[in-house]
Amino acid sequence: MLLLCACGGWPRWQHIDPAGVPLDALPATDWSPVVESEPNDEAALAQAITLTVDAPTRVAGTLAGVGWCDAERWGAACLPATDPGCGTPIGWGGRYAADVDQYAVTVSADTPVRLCVAAAVPGAVFDVLLLPLPGDCPSADPILVDDTPLGWSLGPDAGGWSTAIAPGRYLLQTAGALRTDGGDPAAEVSYDLGLSLQVEIDGAYTRCPSLTDPEGA
């Protein structure tokens, strides 16, 4: 029997707009739509996305269930699953009980940039982890902030994160940890990811768009 537990922590959103800014005062975002394509549950099958400064991408996907087993609490039975082609862990600190969607993201830029990820999995606590992908296989550990993975334990409200990043390839892992709406953990849940690159101007990065911003034509 798989035991599930909640994850700790909340989103680290570094460039959110001040409260009270009306939506019609925000710039429109011209998202390039992408629909998740299965199978994408291992690095070799990760869905490819190329990000440029002028082409933010919005991903619509579905997780076939959510669930999480914490290795520190429950022991060896909850150690992370390993990628069959790479032998690297899938996740951090435990085992996902259901679907993990993976995206191979190429950051294409010739100036300093910040990667912004806006994310929503309604009714669930979820992870959107980032791992360097120097070749066919990712690094063993996700990118950490204060000893915790960037994108760890988001939700149940929409959230996100941003980080300065070098051009190159990265693996984005999306998975659900806990249903918070009383729904069946084995049932499908939809998710929404907004991926963008922001540039540095006069020593500061431009604003990260959110999923609730006005959309361009």
N, C-alpha and C. Protein backbone atom coordinates (compact mmCIF):
# COMPACT_ATOMS: atom_id res chain seq x y z
N MET A 1 0.85 -1.19 0.00
CA MET A 1 0.00 0.00 0.00
C MET A 1 0.88 1.24 0.00
N LEU A 2 0.60 2.15 -0.90
CA LEU A 2 1.39 3.35 -1.00
C LEU A 2 0.81 4.43 -0.09
N LEU A 3 1.64 4.99 0.76
CA LEU A 3 1.20 6.03 1.69
C LEU A 3 1.56 7.38 1.11
N LEU A 4 0.62 8.30 1.14
CA LEU A 4 0.81 9.60 0.55
C LEU A 4 0.88 10.65 1.64
N CYS A 5 1.67 11.68 1.41
CA CYS A 5 1.73 12.76 2.37
C CYS A 5 1.92 14.07 1.64
N ALA A 6 1.62 15.15 2.31
CA ALA A 6 1.71 16.47 1.68
C ALA A 6 3.16 16.93 1.64
N CYS A 7 3.41 17.83 0.71
CA CYS A 7 4.73 18.42 0.60
C CYS A 7 4.74 19.77 1.29
N GLY A 8 5.91 20.20 1.76
CA GLY A 8 6.01 21.49 2.42
C GLY A 8 6.54 22.55 1.49
N GLY A 9 6.33 23.80 1.85
CA GLY A 9 6.88 24.89 1.07
C GLY A 9 5.84 25.53 0.17
N TRP A 10 6.18 26.72 -0.36
CA TRP A 10 5.27 27.47 -1.20
C TRP A 10 6.06 28.10 -2.33
N PRO A 11 5.36 28.63 -3.33
CA PRO A 11 6.07 29.15 -4.51
C PRO A 11 7.04 30.27 -4.17
N ARG A 12 8.09 30.36 -4.97
CA ARG A 12 9.01 31.48 -4.88
C ARG A 12 8.84 32.29 -6.15
N TRP A 13 8.02 33.29 -6.09
CA TRP A 13 7.73 34.12 -7.26
C TRP A 13 8.39 35.47 -7.05
N GLN A 14 9.41 35.76 -7.82
CA GLN A 14 10.26 36.91 -7.51
C GLN A 14 9.85 38.20 -8.22
N HIS A 15 8.99 38.10 -9.19
CA HIS A 15 8.68 39.30 -9.96
C HIS A 15 7.18 39.49 -10.11
N ILE A 16 6.44 39.16 -9.09
CA ILE A 16 4.99 39.32 -9.15
C ILE A 16 4.65 40.81 -9.06
N ASP A 17 3.56 41.19 -9.71
CA ASP A 17 3.17 42.59 -9.72
C ASP A 17 2.64 43.01 -8.36
N PRO A 18 2.80 44.28 -7.99
CA PRO A 18 2.23 44.76 -6.74
C PRO A 18 0.72 44.58 -6.72
N ALA A 19 0.18 44.32 -5.56
CA ALA A 19 -1.27 44.15 -5.43
C ALA A 19 -1.97 45.42 -5.89
N GLY A 20 -3.09 45.20 -6.55
CA GLY A 20 -3.91 46.33 -6.96
C GLY A 20 -3.67 46.81 -8.37
N VAL A 21 -2.70 46.23 -9.10
CA VAL A 21 -2.49 46.65 -10.49
C VAL A 21 -3.61 46.07 -11.34
N PRO A 22 -4.41 46.90 -12.01
CA PRO A 22 -5.52 46.37 -12.80
C PRO A 22 -5.02 45.58 -14.01
N LEU A 23 -5.78 44.53 -14.39
CA LEU A 23 -5.36 43.70 -15.50
C LEU A 23 -5.20 44.49 -16.78
N ASP A 24 -6.06 45.49 -17.00
CA ASP A 24 -5.97 46.21 -18.26
C ASP A 24 -4.75 47.12 -18.33
N ALA A 25 -4.01 47.23 -17.21
CA ALA A 25 -2.77 48.00 -17.22
C ALA A 25 -1.55 47.13 -17.50
N LEU A 26 -1.75 45.82 -17.54
CA LEU A 26 -0.64 44.90 -17.77
C LEU A 26 -0.45 44.66 -19.25
N PRO A 27 0.80 44.43 -19.69
CA PRO A 27 1.02 44.14 -21.11
C PRO A 27 0.45 42.78 -21.48
N ALA A 28 -0.05 42.68 -22.70
CA ALA A 28 -0.57 41.40 -23.18
C ALA A 28 0.59 40.45 -23.47
N THR A 29 0.36 39.17 -23.29
CA THR A 29 1.36 38.14 -23.56
C THR A 29 0.93 37.32 -24.77
N ASP A 30 1.77 37.26 -25.78
CA ASP A 30 1.49 36.48 -26.97
C ASP A 30 2.08 35.08 -26.80
N TRP A 31 1.32 34.21 -26.14
CA TRP A 31 1.79 32.85 -25.89
C TRP A 31 1.78 32.03 -27.18
N SER A 32 2.80 31.18 -27.34
CA SER A 32 2.79 30.15 -28.37
C SER A 32 2.25 28.88 -27.73
N PRO A 33 1.09 28.37 -28.18
CA PRO A 33 0.48 27.23 -27.50
C PRO A 33 1.17 25.91 -27.82
N VAL A 34 1.31 25.08 -26.80
CA VAL A 34 1.83 23.72 -26.94
C VAL A 34 0.91 22.79 -26.18
N VAL A 35 0.57 21.65 -26.78
CA VAL A 35 -0.25 20.64 -26.13
C VAL A 35 0.64 19.45 -25.78
N GLU A 36 0.56 19.01 -24.55
CA GLU A 36 1.36 17.86 -24.10
C GLU A 36 1.14 16.66 -25.01
N SER A 37 2.23 15.94 -25.28
CA SER A 37 2.17 14.75 -26.11
C SER A 37 2.83 13.58 -25.37
N GLU A 38 2.05 12.54 -25.10
CA GLU A 38 2.58 11.34 -24.46
C GLU A 38 3.14 10.39 -25.53
N PRO A 39 4.10 9.52 -25.16
CA PRO A 39 4.72 9.38 -23.84
C PRO A 39 5.82 10.43 -23.63
N ASN A 40 5.95 10.87 -22.38
CA ASN A 40 6.98 11.86 -22.05
C ASN A 40 7.46 11.67 -20.61
N ASP A 41 7.44 10.42 -20.15
CA ASP A 41 7.73 10.17 -18.73
C ASP A 41 9.17 9.79 -18.45
N GLU A 42 10.05 9.89 -19.44
CA GLU A 42 11.48 9.69 -19.20
C GLU A 42 12.25 10.66 -20.08
N ALA A 43 13.53 10.85 -19.75
CA ALA A 43 14.32 11.88 -20.42
C ALA A 43 14.39 11.67 -21.93
N ALA A 44 14.53 10.43 -22.37
CA ALA A 44 14.64 10.14 -23.80
C ALA A 44 13.37 10.48 -24.56
N LEU A 45 12.24 10.56 -23.85
CA LEU A 45 10.95 10.84 -24.48
C LEU A 45 10.42 12.23 -24.16
N ALA A 46 11.23 13.04 -23.48
CA ALA A 46 10.78 14.37 -23.07
C ALA A 46 10.39 15.20 -24.28
N GLN A 47 9.28 15.88 -24.15
CA GLN A 47 8.77 16.71 -25.23
C GLN A 47 9.64 17.95 -25.38
N ALA A 48 10.08 18.25 -26.60
CA ALA A 48 11.03 19.34 -26.85
C ALA A 48 10.31 20.68 -26.96
N ILE A 49 10.86 21.69 -26.28
CA ILE A 49 10.37 23.06 -26.36
C ILE A 49 11.58 23.98 -26.47
N THR A 50 11.55 24.90 -27.42
CA THR A 50 12.60 25.90 -27.56
C THR A 50 12.06 27.25 -27.13
N LEU A 51 12.74 27.90 -26.19
CA LEU A 51 12.33 29.20 -25.68
C LEU A 51 13.27 30.28 -26.19
N THR A 52 12.69 31.37 -26.70
CA THR A 52 13.43 32.57 -27.02
C THR A 52 12.76 33.75 -26.32
N VAL A 53 13.45 34.86 -26.29
CA VAL A 53 12.92 36.02 -25.56
C VAL A 53 11.58 36.47 -26.14
N ASP A 54 11.43 36.38 -27.45
CA ASP A 54 10.21 36.89 -28.08
C ASP A 54 9.16 35.81 -28.33
N ALA A 55 9.31 34.63 -27.74
CA ALA A 55 8.36 33.55 -27.99
C ALA A 55 8.03 32.79 -26.70
N PRO A 56 7.25 33.41 -25.78
CA PRO A 56 6.82 32.67 -24.59
C PRO A 56 5.90 31.53 -24.99
N THR A 57 5.96 30.46 -24.22
CA THR A 57 5.23 29.23 -24.56
C THR A 57 4.27 28.86 -23.43
N ARG A 58 3.05 28.48 -23.81
CA ARG A 58 2.05 28.05 -22.84
C ARG A 58 1.69 26.60 -23.12
N VAL A 59 1.89 25.75 -22.12
CA VAL A 59 1.71 24.30 -22.27
C VAL A 59 0.43 23.87 -21.57
N ALA A 60 -0.42 23.17 -22.29
CA ALA A 60 -1.63 22.56 -21.73
C ALA A 60 -1.40 21.06 -21.64
N GLY A 61 -1.47 20.51 -20.43
CA GLY A 61 -1.20 19.08 -20.25
C GLY A 61 -2.16 18.43 -19.28
N THR A 62 -1.99 17.12 -19.13
CA THR A 62 -2.83 16.34 -18.23
C THR A 62 -1.96 15.35 -17.48
N LEU A 63 -2.14 15.29 -16.17
CA LEU A 63 -1.47 14.28 -15.35
C LEU A 63 -2.45 13.14 -15.07
N ALA A 64 -2.01 11.92 -15.33
CA ALA A 64 -2.85 10.74 -15.08
C ALA A 64 -2.72 10.35 -13.61
N GLY A 65 -3.31 11.17 -12.74
CA GLY A 65 -3.26 10.91 -11.31
C GLY A 65 -2.18 11.69 -10.61
N VAL A 66 -2.31 11.81 -9.28
CA VAL A 66 -1.32 12.50 -8.44
C VAL A 66 -1.06 11.64 -7.21
N GLY A 67 0.09 11.85 -6.60
CA GLY A 67 0.42 11.14 -5.36
C GLY A 67 1.90 11.21 -5.06
N TRP A 68 2.23 11.11 -3.79
CA TRP A 68 3.61 11.30 -3.35
C TRP A 68 3.88 10.44 -2.14
N CYS A 69 5.06 9.80 -2.13
CA CYS A 69 5.52 8.98 -1.02
C CYS A 69 6.88 9.52 -0.57
N ASP A 70 6.96 10.00 0.65
CA ASP A 70 8.13 10.69 1.17
C ASP A 70 9.15 9.70 1.71
N ALA A 71 10.36 9.69 1.14
CA ALA A 71 11.37 8.71 1.52
C ALA A 71 11.88 8.92 2.94
N GLU A 72 11.99 10.18 3.38
CA GLU A 72 12.48 10.43 4.73
C GLU A 72 11.51 9.89 5.77
N ARG A 73 10.23 9.95 5.46
CA ARG A 73 9.23 9.49 6.43
C ARG A 73 8.96 8.00 6.32
N TRP A 74 8.92 7.48 5.09
CA TRP A 74 8.45 6.11 4.89
C TRP A 74 9.54 5.13 4.46
N GLY A 75 10.77 5.61 4.22
CA GLY A 75 11.87 4.70 3.99
C GLY A 75 12.09 4.29 2.54
N ALA A 76 12.79 3.17 2.38
CA ALA A 76 13.30 2.75 1.07
C ALA A 76 12.21 2.53 0.03
N ALA A 77 11.03 2.13 0.47
CA ALA A 77 9.95 1.89 -0.49
C ALA A 77 9.55 3.16 -1.23
N CYS A 78 9.95 4.31 -0.69
CA CYS A 78 9.56 5.59 -1.28
C CYS A 78 10.74 6.32 -1.92
N LEU A 79 11.86 5.63 -2.12
CA LEU A 79 12.96 6.27 -2.84
C LEU A 79 12.52 6.61 -4.25
N PRO A 80 13.07 7.67 -4.84
CA PRO A 80 12.64 8.07 -6.18
C PRO A 80 12.80 6.95 -7.21
N ALA A 81 11.85 6.90 -8.13
CA ALA A 81 12.02 6.02 -9.28
C ALA A 81 13.20 6.52 -10.11
N THR A 82 13.79 5.64 -10.90
CA THR A 82 14.92 6.04 -11.73
C THR A 82 14.52 6.01 -13.20
N ASP A 83 15.11 6.94 -13.94
CA ASP A 83 14.87 6.99 -15.37
C ASP A 83 15.45 5.72 -16.02
N PRO A 84 14.64 4.98 -16.79
CA PRO A 84 15.12 3.70 -17.32
C PRO A 84 16.31 3.83 -18.27
N GLY A 85 16.44 4.96 -18.95
CA GLY A 85 17.54 5.11 -19.88
C GLY A 85 18.76 5.78 -19.31
N CYS A 86 18.58 6.47 -18.17
CA CYS A 86 19.67 7.27 -17.61
C CYS A 86 20.10 6.81 -16.22
N GLY A 87 19.21 6.19 -15.48
CA GLY A 87 19.52 5.78 -14.12
C GLY A 87 19.48 6.92 -13.12
N THR A 88 19.06 8.11 -13.54
CA THR A 88 18.97 9.25 -12.65
C THR A 88 17.61 9.28 -11.97
N PRO A 89 17.51 9.89 -10.77
CA PRO A 89 16.23 9.92 -10.06
C PRO A 89 15.19 10.75 -10.82
N ILE A 90 13.94 10.35 -10.69
CA ILE A 90 12.81 11.14 -11.19
C ILE A 90 12.14 11.74 -9.97
N GLY A 91 12.33 13.05 -9.79
CA GLY A 91 11.83 13.70 -8.58
C GLY A 91 12.95 13.88 -7.57
N TRP A 92 12.55 14.24 -6.35
CA TRP A 92 13.53 14.58 -5.30
C TRP A 92 12.93 14.24 -3.95
N GLY A 93 13.65 13.40 -3.19
CA GLY A 93 13.25 13.12 -1.81
C GLY A 93 12.12 12.14 -1.64
N GLY A 94 11.68 11.51 -2.72
CA GLY A 94 10.57 10.56 -2.61
C GLY A 94 10.13 10.09 -3.98
N ARG A 95 9.01 9.37 -3.99
CA ARG A 95 8.53 8.74 -5.23
C ARG A 95 7.14 9.26 -5.59
N TYR A 96 7.00 9.67 -6.84
CA TYR A 96 5.67 10.03 -7.32
C TYR A 96 4.86 8.76 -7.54
N ALA A 97 3.59 8.82 -7.13
CA ALA A 97 2.72 7.65 -7.23
C ALA A 97 2.02 7.57 -8.57
N ALA A 98 2.15 8.61 -9.39
CA ALA A 98 1.41 8.62 -10.64
C ALA A 98 2.27 9.27 -11.73
N ASP A 99 1.62 9.97 -12.63
CA ASP A 99 2.22 10.48 -13.86
C ASP A 99 3.26 11.57 -13.59
N VAL A 100 4.35 11.53 -14.35
CA VAL A 100 5.35 12.60 -14.38
C VAL A 100 5.54 13.00 -15.84
N ASP A 101 5.29 14.25 -16.15
CA ASP A 101 5.49 14.75 -17.52
C ASP A 101 6.79 15.52 -17.58
N GLN A 102 7.58 15.25 -18.65
CA GLN A 102 8.90 15.85 -18.75
C GLN A 102 9.04 16.59 -20.08
N TYR A 103 9.70 17.75 -20.00
CA TYR A 103 9.91 18.60 -21.17
C TYR A 103 11.39 18.94 -21.27
N ALA A 104 11.95 18.76 -22.45
CA ALA A 104 13.33 19.15 -22.72
C ALA A 104 13.31 20.57 -23.27
N VAL A 105 13.70 21.53 -22.43
CA VAL A 105 13.58 22.95 -22.76
C VAL A 105 14.94 23.48 -23.18
N THR A 106 15.01 24.01 -24.40
CA THR A 106 16.21 24.67 -24.89
C THR A 106 16.07 26.17 -24.68
N VAL A 107 16.96 26.75 -23.90
CA VAL A 107 16.97 28.19 -23.66
C VAL A 107 17.91 28.81 -24.69
N SER A 108 17.33 29.54 -25.63
CA SER A 108 18.09 30.14 -26.72
C SER A 108 18.11 31.65 -26.54
N ALA A 109 19.29 32.18 -26.19
CA ALA A 109 19.42 33.62 -25.94
C ALA A 109 20.89 34.01 -26.05
N ASP A 110 21.12 35.26 -26.43
CA ASP A 110 22.50 35.75 -26.50
C ASP A 110 22.76 36.88 -25.52
N THR A 111 21.83 37.07 -24.57
CA THR A 111 22.00 38.04 -23.50
C THR A 111 21.61 37.37 -22.19
N PRO A 112 21.97 37.97 -21.04
CA PRO A 112 21.53 37.39 -19.76
C PRO A 112 20.00 37.32 -19.71
N VAL A 113 19.47 36.18 -19.27
CA VAL A 113 18.02 36.01 -19.22
C VAL A 113 17.61 35.37 -17.89
N ARG A 114 16.33 35.52 -17.60
CA ARG A 114 15.72 34.86 -16.46
C ARG A 114 14.60 33.99 -16.99
N LEU A 115 14.60 32.71 -16.59
CA LEU A 115 13.53 31.80 -16.96
C LEU A 115 12.39 31.97 -15.99
N CYS A 116 11.18 32.24 -16.51
CA CYS A 116 9.98 32.37 -15.70
C CYS A 116 9.06 31.19 -15.98
N VAL A 117 8.55 30.58 -14.93
CA VAL A 117 7.59 29.50 -15.05
C VAL A 117 6.36 29.86 -14.22
N ALA A 118 5.25 30.07 -14.88
CA ALA A 118 3.96 30.24 -14.20
C ALA A 118 3.23 28.90 -14.31
N ALA A 119 2.59 28.46 -13.24
CA ALA A 119 2.05 27.10 -13.24
C ALA A 119 0.76 27.02 -12.44
N ALA A 120 -0.14 26.15 -12.91
CA ALA A 120 -1.39 25.90 -12.21
C ALA A 120 -1.82 24.46 -12.45
N VAL A 121 -2.10 23.75 -11.36
CA VAL A 121 -2.76 22.44 -11.40
C VAL A 121 -3.93 22.56 -10.42
N PRO A 122 -5.10 22.98 -10.89
CA PRO A 122 -6.20 23.27 -9.97
C PRO A 122 -6.54 22.09 -9.07
N GLY A 123 -6.66 22.39 -7.76
CA GLY A 123 -7.05 21.37 -6.80
C GLY A 123 -5.94 20.43 -6.39
N ALA A 124 -4.68 20.81 -6.60
CA ALA A 124 -3.58 19.90 -6.27
C ALA A 124 -2.35 20.68 -5.83
N VAL A 125 -1.55 20.04 -4.97
CA VAL A 125 -0.18 20.46 -4.70
C VAL A 125 0.69 19.74 -5.72
N PHE A 126 1.64 20.46 -6.31
CA PHE A 126 2.38 19.88 -7.43
C PHE A 126 3.80 20.42 -7.47
N ASP A 127 4.65 19.78 -8.27
CA ASP A 127 6.03 20.18 -8.46
C ASP A 127 6.28 20.50 -9.92
N VAL A 128 7.10 21.53 -10.16
CA VAL A 128 7.64 21.80 -11.49
C VAL A 128 9.14 22.02 -11.30
N LEU A 129 9.90 20.95 -11.41
CA LEU A 129 11.33 20.96 -11.10
C LEU A 129 12.15 21.22 -12.35
N LEU A 130 13.34 21.79 -12.16
CA LEU A 130 14.24 22.13 -13.26
C LEU A 130 15.58 21.45 -13.05
N LEU A 131 16.03 20.70 -14.06
CA LEU A 131 17.31 20.00 -13.99
C LEU A 131 18.15 20.34 -15.21
N PRO A 132 19.46 20.60 -15.04
CA PRO A 132 20.32 20.75 -16.21
C PRO A 132 20.29 19.48 -17.06
N LEU A 133 20.34 19.67 -18.39
CA LEU A 133 20.30 18.55 -19.32
C LEU A 133 21.48 18.71 -20.28
N PRO A 134 22.69 18.37 -19.82
CA PRO A 134 23.88 18.64 -20.63
C PRO A 134 24.03 17.71 -21.83
N GLY A 135 23.36 16.57 -21.80
CA GLY A 135 23.43 15.62 -22.91
C GLY A 135 22.10 14.91 -23.06
N ASP A 136 22.17 13.59 -23.19
CA ASP A 136 20.92 12.82 -23.29
C ASP A 136 20.26 12.63 -21.93
N CYS A 137 21.03 12.78 -20.87
CA CYS A 137 20.51 12.52 -19.52
C CYS A 137 20.64 13.77 -18.65
N PRO A 138 19.69 13.97 -17.73
CA PRO A 138 19.76 15.14 -16.85
C PRO A 138 20.75 14.93 -15.72
N SER A 139 21.07 16.02 -15.03
CA SER A 139 21.82 15.92 -13.79
C SER A 139 21.02 15.12 -12.77
N ALA A 140 21.72 14.58 -11.79
CA ALA A 140 21.04 13.75 -10.80
C ALA A 140 20.15 14.57 -9.89
N ASP A 141 20.47 15.84 -9.68
CA ASP A 141 19.72 16.68 -8.75
C ASP A 141 19.10 17.87 -9.47
N PRO A 142 17.91 18.27 -9.07
CA PRO A 142 17.33 19.49 -9.62
C PRO A 142 18.05 20.72 -9.09
N ILE A 143 17.83 21.85 -9.71
CA ILE A 143 18.39 23.12 -9.24
C ILE A 143 17.74 23.47 -7.90
N LEU A 144 18.57 23.80 -6.92
CA LEU A 144 18.11 24.03 -5.55
C LEU A 144 18.14 25.52 -5.20
N VAL A 145 17.24 25.90 -4.32
CA VAL A 145 17.24 27.23 -3.69
C VAL A 145 17.09 26.99 -2.19
N ASP A 146 18.12 27.37 -1.42
CA ASP A 146 18.09 27.15 0.03
C ASP A 146 17.84 25.67 0.35
N ASP A 147 18.54 24.79 -0.35
CA ASP A 147 18.49 23.35 -0.12
C ASP A 147 17.15 22.71 -0.49
N THR A 148 16.30 23.44 -1.18
CA THR A 148 15.01 22.91 -1.64
C THR A 148 14.92 23.12 -3.14
N PRO A 149 14.40 22.13 -3.88
CA PRO A 149 14.33 22.31 -5.33
C PRO A 149 13.47 23.50 -5.73
N LEU A 150 13.94 24.24 -6.70
CA LEU A 150 13.14 25.28 -7.32
C LEU A 150 11.88 24.63 -7.90
N GLY A 151 10.71 25.19 -7.59
CA GLY A 151 9.47 24.63 -8.11
C GLY A 151 8.89 23.51 -7.29
N TRP A 152 9.36 23.34 -6.06
CA TRP A 152 8.91 22.26 -5.19
C TRP A 152 7.66 22.67 -4.43
N SER A 153 6.65 21.83 -4.44
CA SER A 153 5.45 21.99 -3.62
C SER A 153 4.71 23.30 -3.90
N LEU A 154 4.32 23.49 -5.14
CA LEU A 154 3.49 24.62 -5.54
C LEU A 154 2.02 24.27 -5.31
N GLY A 155 1.17 25.29 -5.34
CA GLY A 155 -0.27 25.06 -5.26
C GLY A 155 -0.78 25.00 -3.82
N PRO A 156 -2.11 24.77 -3.68
CA PRO A 156 -3.05 24.46 -4.76
C PRO A 156 -3.44 25.66 -5.61
N ASP A 157 -3.10 26.88 -5.20
CA ASP A 157 -3.36 28.03 -6.06
C ASP A 157 -2.28 28.13 -7.12
N ALA A 158 -2.60 28.86 -8.18
CA ALA A 158 -1.60 29.08 -9.22
C ALA A 158 -0.39 29.80 -8.63
N GLY A 159 0.79 29.45 -9.10
CA GLY A 159 2.02 30.05 -8.60
C GLY A 159 3.08 30.04 -9.66
N GLY A 160 4.32 29.96 -9.24
CA GLY A 160 5.40 29.92 -10.20
C GLY A 160 6.73 30.27 -9.59
N TRP A 161 7.73 30.39 -10.42
CA TRP A 161 9.07 30.75 -9.97
C TRP A 161 9.85 31.35 -11.13
N SER A 162 10.97 31.97 -10.81
CA SER A 162 11.86 32.48 -11.84
C SER A 162 13.29 32.35 -11.35
N THR A 163 14.22 32.23 -12.30
CA THR A 163 15.63 32.09 -11.94
C THR A 163 16.49 32.55 -13.10
N ALA A 164 17.61 33.22 -12.78
CA ALA A 164 18.59 33.55 -13.80
C ALA A 164 19.15 32.25 -14.36
N ILE A 165 19.36 32.23 -15.67
CA ILE A 165 19.69 30.95 -16.30
C ILE A 165 20.62 31.19 -17.49
N ALA A 166 21.52 30.24 -17.73
CA ALA A 166 22.42 30.31 -18.87
C ALA A 166 21.77 29.63 -20.07
N PRO A 167 22.10 30.05 -21.28
CA PRO A 167 21.61 29.33 -22.45
C PRO A 167 22.03 27.86 -22.38
N GLY A 168 21.20 26.99 -22.90
CA GLY A 168 21.48 25.56 -22.87
C GLY A 168 20.20 24.76 -22.79
N ARG A 169 20.34 23.48 -22.43
CA ARG A 169 19.19 22.59 -22.37
C ARG A 169 18.90 22.20 -20.92
N TYR A 170 17.61 22.12 -20.61
CA TYR A 170 17.16 21.80 -19.26
C TYR A 170 15.98 20.84 -19.34
N LEU A 171 15.81 20.05 -18.28
CA LEU A 171 14.68 19.15 -18.18
C LEU A 171 13.70 19.70 -17.15
N LEU A 172 12.46 19.86 -17.57
CA LEU A 172 11.41 20.33 -16.68
C LEU A 172 10.52 19.14 -16.34
N GLN A 173 10.40 18.82 -15.05
CA GLN A 173 9.59 17.69 -14.58
C GLN A 173 8.35 18.22 -13.87
N THR A 174 7.18 17.81 -14.34
CA THR A 174 5.91 18.24 -13.76
C THR A 174 5.17 17.02 -13.22
N ALA A 175 4.76 17.08 -11.95
CA ALA A 175 4.03 15.97 -11.34
C ALA A 175 3.18 16.49 -10.20
N GLY A 176 2.11 15.76 -9.90
CA GLY A 176 1.22 16.12 -8.80
C GLY A 176 1.53 15.32 -7.56
N ALA A 177 1.46 15.96 -6.39
CA ALA A 177 1.78 15.30 -5.13
C ALA A 177 0.55 14.97 -4.29
N LEU A 178 -0.46 15.83 -4.32
CA LEU A 178 -1.58 15.67 -3.39
C LEU A 178 -2.81 16.37 -3.94
N ARG A 179 -3.95 15.67 -3.94
CA ARG A 179 -5.22 16.33 -4.26
C ARG A 179 -5.70 17.09 -3.03
N THR A 180 -6.09 18.35 -3.22
CA THR A 180 -6.58 19.16 -2.11
C THR A 180 -8.07 19.46 -2.25
N ASP A 181 -8.70 18.98 -3.32
CA ASP A 181 -10.10 19.28 -3.57
C ASP A 181 -11.03 18.11 -3.27
N GLY A 182 -10.49 17.05 -2.63
CA GLY A 182 -11.29 15.88 -2.31
C GLY A 182 -11.50 14.93 -3.47
N GLY A 183 -10.85 15.20 -4.59
CA GLY A 183 -11.01 14.35 -5.76
C GLY A 183 -10.23 13.05 -5.66
N ASP A 184 -10.51 12.13 -6.57
CA ASP A 184 -9.84 10.84 -6.63
C ASP A 184 -8.39 11.03 -7.06
N PRO A 185 -7.41 10.60 -6.25
CA PRO A 185 -6.00 10.78 -6.64
C PRO A 185 -5.64 10.08 -7.95
N ALA A 186 -6.40 9.07 -8.32
CA ALA A 186 -6.10 8.35 -9.56
C ALA A 186 -6.71 9.02 -10.79
N ALA A 187 -7.57 10.00 -10.59
CA ALA A 187 -8.23 10.67 -11.71
C ALA A 187 -7.28 11.65 -12.39
N GLU A 188 -7.54 11.93 -13.64
CA GLU A 188 -6.74 12.87 -14.39
C GLU A 188 -6.96 14.31 -13.88
N VAL A 189 -5.89 15.10 -13.89
CA VAL A 189 -5.99 16.52 -13.60
C VAL A 189 -5.26 17.29 -14.71
N SER A 190 -5.82 18.41 -15.10
CA SER A 190 -5.21 19.24 -16.14
C SER A 190 -4.26 20.24 -15.51
N TYR A 191 -3.25 20.64 -16.27
CA TYR A 191 -2.34 21.67 -15.79
C TYR A 191 -2.04 22.67 -16.90
N ASP A 192 -1.53 23.81 -16.47
CA ASP A 192 -1.25 24.94 -17.35
C ASP A 192 0.12 25.48 -16.97
N LEU A 193 1.04 25.53 -17.91
CA LEU A 193 2.38 26.07 -17.68
C LEU A 193 2.63 27.23 -18.63
N GLY A 194 3.14 28.32 -18.10
CA GLY A 194 3.58 29.43 -18.93
C GLY A 194 5.09 29.59 -18.80
N LEU A 195 5.81 29.41 -19.89
CA LEU A 195 7.27 29.46 -19.89
C LEU A 195 7.73 30.67 -20.70
N SER A 196 8.62 31.46 -20.12
CA SER A 196 9.09 32.64 -20.83
C SER A 196 10.50 33.00 -20.38
N LEU A 197 11.17 33.78 -21.21
CA LEU A 197 12.49 34.32 -20.89
C LEU A 197 12.38 35.84 -20.79
N GLN A 198 12.95 36.39 -19.74
CA GLN A 198 12.94 37.84 -19.53
C GLN A 198 14.37 38.36 -19.56
N VAL A 199 14.54 39.54 -20.15
CA VAL A 199 15.88 40.09 -20.35
C VAL A 199 16.20 41.12 -19.27
N GLU A 200 17.48 41.39 -19.12
CA GLU A 200 17.95 42.38 -18.14
C GLU A 200 18.06 43.75 -18.82
N ILE A 201 17.41 44.75 -18.23
CA ILE A 201 17.47 46.11 -18.75
C ILE A 201 17.83 47.04 -17.59
N ASP A 202 18.91 47.77 -17.75
CA ASP A 202 19.36 48.71 -16.71
C ASP A 202 19.50 48.02 -15.35
N GLY A 203 20.05 46.80 -15.37
CA GLY A 203 20.34 46.10 -14.14
C GLY A 203 19.18 45.36 -13.52
N ALA A 204 18.02 45.35 -14.17
CA ALA A 204 16.86 44.63 -13.63
C ALA A 204 16.20 43.86 -14.76
N TYR A 205 15.60 42.72 -14.40
CA TYR A 205 14.92 41.91 -15.39
C TYR A 205 13.50 42.40 -15.61
N THR A 206 13.01 42.24 -16.82
CA THR A 206 11.63 42.59 -17.12
C THR A 206 10.69 41.63 -16.39
N ARG A 207 9.45 42.03 -16.30
CA ARG A 207 8.45 41.33 -15.50
C ARG A 207 8.09 39.96 -16.07
N CYS A 208 7.93 38.99 -15.18
CA CYS A 208 7.45 37.66 -15.58
C CYS A 208 5.94 37.72 -15.83
N PRO A 209 5.47 37.24 -16.97
CA PRO A 209 4.02 37.18 -17.18
C PRO A 209 3.39 36.10 -16.33
N SER A 210 2.12 36.29 -15.98
CA SER A 210 1.38 35.27 -15.23
C SER A 210 0.29 34.69 -16.11
N LEU A 211 -0.32 33.62 -15.64
CA LEU A 211 -1.35 32.94 -16.42
C LEU A 211 -2.63 33.75 -16.51
N THR A 212 -2.78 34.76 -15.66
CA THR A 212 -4.01 35.57 -15.66
C THR A 212 -3.83 36.88 -16.42
N ASP A 213 -2.67 37.12 -16.99
CA ASP A 213 -2.45 38.33 -17.77
C ASP A 213 -3.32 38.34 -19.02
N PRO A 214 -3.61 39.52 -19.54
CA PRO A 214 -4.29 39.57 -20.85
C PRO A 214 -3.44 38.86 -21.90
N GLU A 215 -4.12 38.21 -22.85
CA GLU A 215 -3.42 37.51 -23.93
C GLU A 215 -3.48 38.34 -25.19
N GLY A 216 -2.36 38.26 -25.97
CA GLY A 216 -2.30 38.97 -27.23
C GLY A 216 -3.15 38.31 -28.28
N ALA A 217 -3.20 38.94 -29.42
CA ALA A 217 -4.03 38.42 -30.53
C ALA A 217 -3.45 37.13 -31.07
